[in-house]
Amino acid sequence: MIHVCSLARVPQVANQIGASHVITLLRDVDLIVRPPNVAPDNHLIIHVDDITCPIDGYTHPCEEHIGELIDFVQAWDRAAPLLVHCYAGISRSTAAAFAAACALQPQRDETDIAQALRRASPTATPNALIVSLADQVLGRRGRMVEAVQMIGRGAEAYEGRPFCLQID
């Protein structure tokens, strides 16, 4: 299972679900604290801002970041849950969870995964650049982008509620 939450909820959710692996998508590394039950090698930190195009002074997601994300989730043994978080649990983390689900289930329809994401989180608004890059890296030919566009922008919120995205 892939769980998603905000930075503020990481300690509680990681402990509650017994996460063995964590993906952090934050630029501000001073905010990052690895949960004590997660080994250092099982914590991927992707230093990116929540932007969808290059902006001076900010770090935008790039293909290298997505490659690291895909490699990390494909190495995850799935014996215990994976926790993905960003600052608010709405954009970067939901895009990464969607990308992870697509990477782990290459036979599953992207629309099905996106609809499952929407059902799990009414606030999910996956970062369009992360989704587009993952679509390219995974060779999904624009289907991931289309699927996320189909579910539309999530409900406005300052912080998303923790949720789980089921994978087979």
Protein backbone atom coordinates (compact mmCIF):
# COMPACT_ATOMS: atom_id res chain seq x y z
CA MET A 1 0.00 0.00 0.00
CA ILE A 2 1.08 3.54 -0.71
CA HIS A 3 0.12 6.07 1.95
CA VAL A 4 0.22 9.83 1.47
CA CYS A 5 0.27 12.61 4.03
CA SER A 6 1.57 16.07 4.82
CA LEU A 7 4.86 16.84 6.55
CA ALA A 8 3.03 17.58 9.80
CA ARG A 9 1.49 14.10 9.84
CA VAL A 10 4.60 12.03 8.99
CA PRO A 11 5.50 10.87 12.54
CA GLN A 12 1.92 9.86 13.37
CA VAL A 13 1.14 8.17 10.03
CA ALA A 14 4.51 6.40 9.73
CA ASN A 15 4.07 4.92 13.19
CA GLN A 16 0.39 4.07 12.69
CA ILE A 17 0.91 2.21 9.39
CA GLY A 18 4.32 0.72 10.20
CA ALA A 19 5.96 2.28 7.15
CA SER A 20 9.24 0.70 6.08
CA HIS A 21 9.96 3.16 3.27
CA VAL A 22 9.43 6.91 2.96
CA ILE A 23 9.61 9.31 0.04
CA THR A 24 9.98 12.98 0.92
CA LEU A 25 9.43 15.67 -1.70
CA LEU A 26 10.59 18.93 -0.13
CA ARG A 27 13.21 21.50 -0.93
CA ASP A 28 13.64 22.72 2.65
CA VAL A 29 15.79 19.95 4.12
CA ASP A 30 15.72 21.52 7.59
CA LEU A 31 12.11 20.37 7.90
CA ILE A 32 12.88 16.72 7.19
CA VAL A 33 13.02 14.21 10.03
CA ARG A 34 13.23 10.53 9.12
CA PRO A 35 10.80 8.41 11.14
CA PRO A 36 12.76 6.31 13.66
CA ASN A 37 11.38 2.99 12.34
CA VAL A 38 12.65 3.72 8.79
CA ALA A 39 16.23 2.80 7.87
CA PRO A 40 18.26 5.60 6.23
CA ASP A 41 18.53 3.62 2.97
CA ASN A 42 14.75 3.32 2.91
CA HIS A 43 14.20 7.10 2.93
CA LEU A 44 14.36 8.86 -0.42
CA ILE A 45 14.55 12.64 -0.26
CA ILE A 46 13.79 14.48 -3.48
CA HIS A 47 14.73 18.14 -3.09
CA VAL A 48 12.10 19.97 -5.18
CA ASP A 49 9.74 22.89 -4.88
CA ASP A 50 6.07 22.57 -5.79
CA ILE A 51 6.35 24.25 -9.19
CA THR A 52 5.51 23.14 -12.71
CA CYS A 53 8.11 25.10 -14.68
CA PRO A 54 11.59 26.50 -14.04
CA ILE A 55 11.60 29.63 -11.87
CA ASP A 56 14.78 31.41 -10.73
CA GLY A 57 15.62 30.55 -7.14
CA TYR A 58 13.47 27.42 -7.07
CA THR A 59 14.17 23.76 -7.81
CA HIS A 60 11.76 22.24 -10.29
CA PRO A 61 11.23 18.48 -10.66
CA CYS A 62 13.31 16.99 -13.48
CA GLU A 63 13.74 13.62 -15.17
CA GLU A 64 16.58 12.68 -12.81
CA HIS A 65 14.28 13.09 -9.79
CA ILE A 66 11.64 10.91 -11.40
CA GLY A 67 14.25 8.27 -12.25
CA GLU A 68 15.27 8.16 -8.57
CA LEU A 69 11.62 7.87 -7.54
CA ILE A 70 10.93 5.02 -9.96
CA ASP A 71 14.10 3.13 -8.99
CA PHE A 72 13.25 3.53 -5.30
CA VAL A 73 9.68 2.23 -5.58
CA GLN A 74 10.72 -0.66 -7.81
CA ALA A 75 13.31 -1.70 -5.18
CA TRP A 76 10.67 -1.53 -2.40
CA ASP A 77 9.78 -5.09 -1.38
CA ARG A 78 6.19 -4.18 -0.39
CA ALA A 79 6.47 -6.15 2.86
CA ALA A 80 5.40 -3.01 4.74
CA PRO A 81 3.73 0.19 3.56
CA LEU A 82 5.39 3.02 1.66
CA LEU A 83 4.72 6.56 2.90
CA VAL A 84 4.96 9.50 0.49
CA HIS A 85 4.81 13.07 1.74
CA CYS A 86 5.41 16.66 0.78
CA TYR A 87 4.61 19.81 2.71
CA ALA A 88 0.81 19.78 2.39
CA GLY A 89 0.11 16.27 1.11
CA ILE A 90 -1.75 17.65 -1.90
CA SER A 91 0.46 18.12 -4.97
CA ARG A 92 4.00 16.70 -5.03
CA SER A 93 3.18 13.69 -2.88
CA THR A 94 0.00 12.79 -4.75
CA ALA A 95 1.86 13.03 -8.08
CA ALA A 96 4.64 10.81 -6.70
CA ALA A 97 2.12 8.29 -5.36
CA PHE A 98 0.36 8.23 -8.74
CA ALA A 99 3.70 7.76 -10.52
CA ALA A 100 4.68 4.99 -8.09
CA ALA A 101 1.39 3.17 -8.64
CA CYS A 102 1.83 3.42 -12.42
CA ALA A 103 5.43 2.17 -12.16
CA LEU A 104 4.47 -0.79 -9.96
CA GLN A 105 1.45 -1.71 -12.08
CA PRO A 106 2.48 -1.30 -15.72
CA GLN A 107 -0.55 -3.30 -16.89
CA ARG A 108 -3.09 -1.18 -14.97
CA ASP A 109 -4.96 1.56 -16.78
CA GLU A 110 -3.81 5.07 -15.84
CA THR A 111 -7.39 6.32 -15.64
CA ASP A 112 -8.23 3.59 -13.14
CA ILE A 113 -5.29 4.62 -10.95
CA ALA A 114 -6.17 8.33 -11.21
CA GLN A 115 -9.80 7.63 -10.30
CA ALA A 116 -8.64 5.56 -7.31
CA LEU A 117 -6.48 8.52 -6.29
CA ARG A 118 -9.48 10.87 -6.50
CA ARG A 119 -11.69 8.51 -4.49
CA ALA A 120 -8.99 8.25 -1.81
CA SER A 121 -8.36 12.00 -1.67
CA PRO A 122 -10.79 14.72 -2.68
CA THR A 123 -7.98 17.30 -2.31
CA ALA A 124 -5.37 15.53 -4.44
CA THR A 125 -4.03 17.86 -7.13
CA PRO A 126 -1.03 16.01 -8.56
CA ASN A 127 1.85 18.24 -9.65
CA ALA A 128 1.54 18.34 -13.45
CA LEU A 129 5.29 18.44 -14.09
CA ILE A 130 5.95 15.37 -11.94
CA VAL A 131 3.14 13.50 -13.71
CA SER A 132 4.38 14.56 -17.16
CA LEU A 133 7.95 13.52 -16.41
CA ALA A 134 6.83 10.19 -14.96
CA ASP A 135 4.68 9.61 -18.03
CA GLN A 136 7.77 10.09 -20.22
CA VAL A 137 10.06 7.94 -18.06
CA LEU A 138 7.50 5.13 -17.88
CA GLY A 139 6.65 5.34 -21.58
CA ARG A 140 2.93 5.86 -20.91
CA ARG A 141 2.55 8.06 -24.04
CA GLY A 142 0.60 10.88 -22.41
CA ARG A 143 -1.95 8.62 -20.75
CA MET A 144 -0.87 9.56 -17.21
CA VAL A 145 -1.20 13.26 -18.04
CA GLU A 146 -4.64 12.71 -19.58
CA ALA A 147 -5.81 10.63 -16.61
CA VAL A 148 -4.83 13.33 -14.11
CA GLN A 149 -6.45 16.02 -16.27
CA MET A 150 -9.62 13.94 -16.32
CA ILE A 151 -9.92 13.84 -12.51
CA GLY A 152 -9.31 17.59 -12.38
CA ARG A 153 -8.11 19.80 -9.61
CA GLY A 154 -8.91 18.66 -6.10
CA ALA A 155 -10.90 20.56 -3.52
CA GLU A 156 -9.14 23.56 -2.03
CA ALA A 157 -7.35 22.81 1.23
CA TYR A 158 -4.34 23.98 3.21
CA GLU A 159 -3.46 20.42 4.14
CA GLY A 160 -4.60 17.13 2.66
CA ARG A 161 -5.93 14.38 4.90
CA PRO A 162 -3.79 11.24 5.03
CA PHE A 163 -4.97 8.55 2.63
CA CYS A 164 -4.00 5.22 1.12
CA LEU A 165 -3.69 4.32 -2.55
CA GLN A 166 -4.26 0.59 -3.00
CA ILE A 167 -1.92 -1.28 -5.33
CA ASP A 168 -2.03 -4.92 -6.33
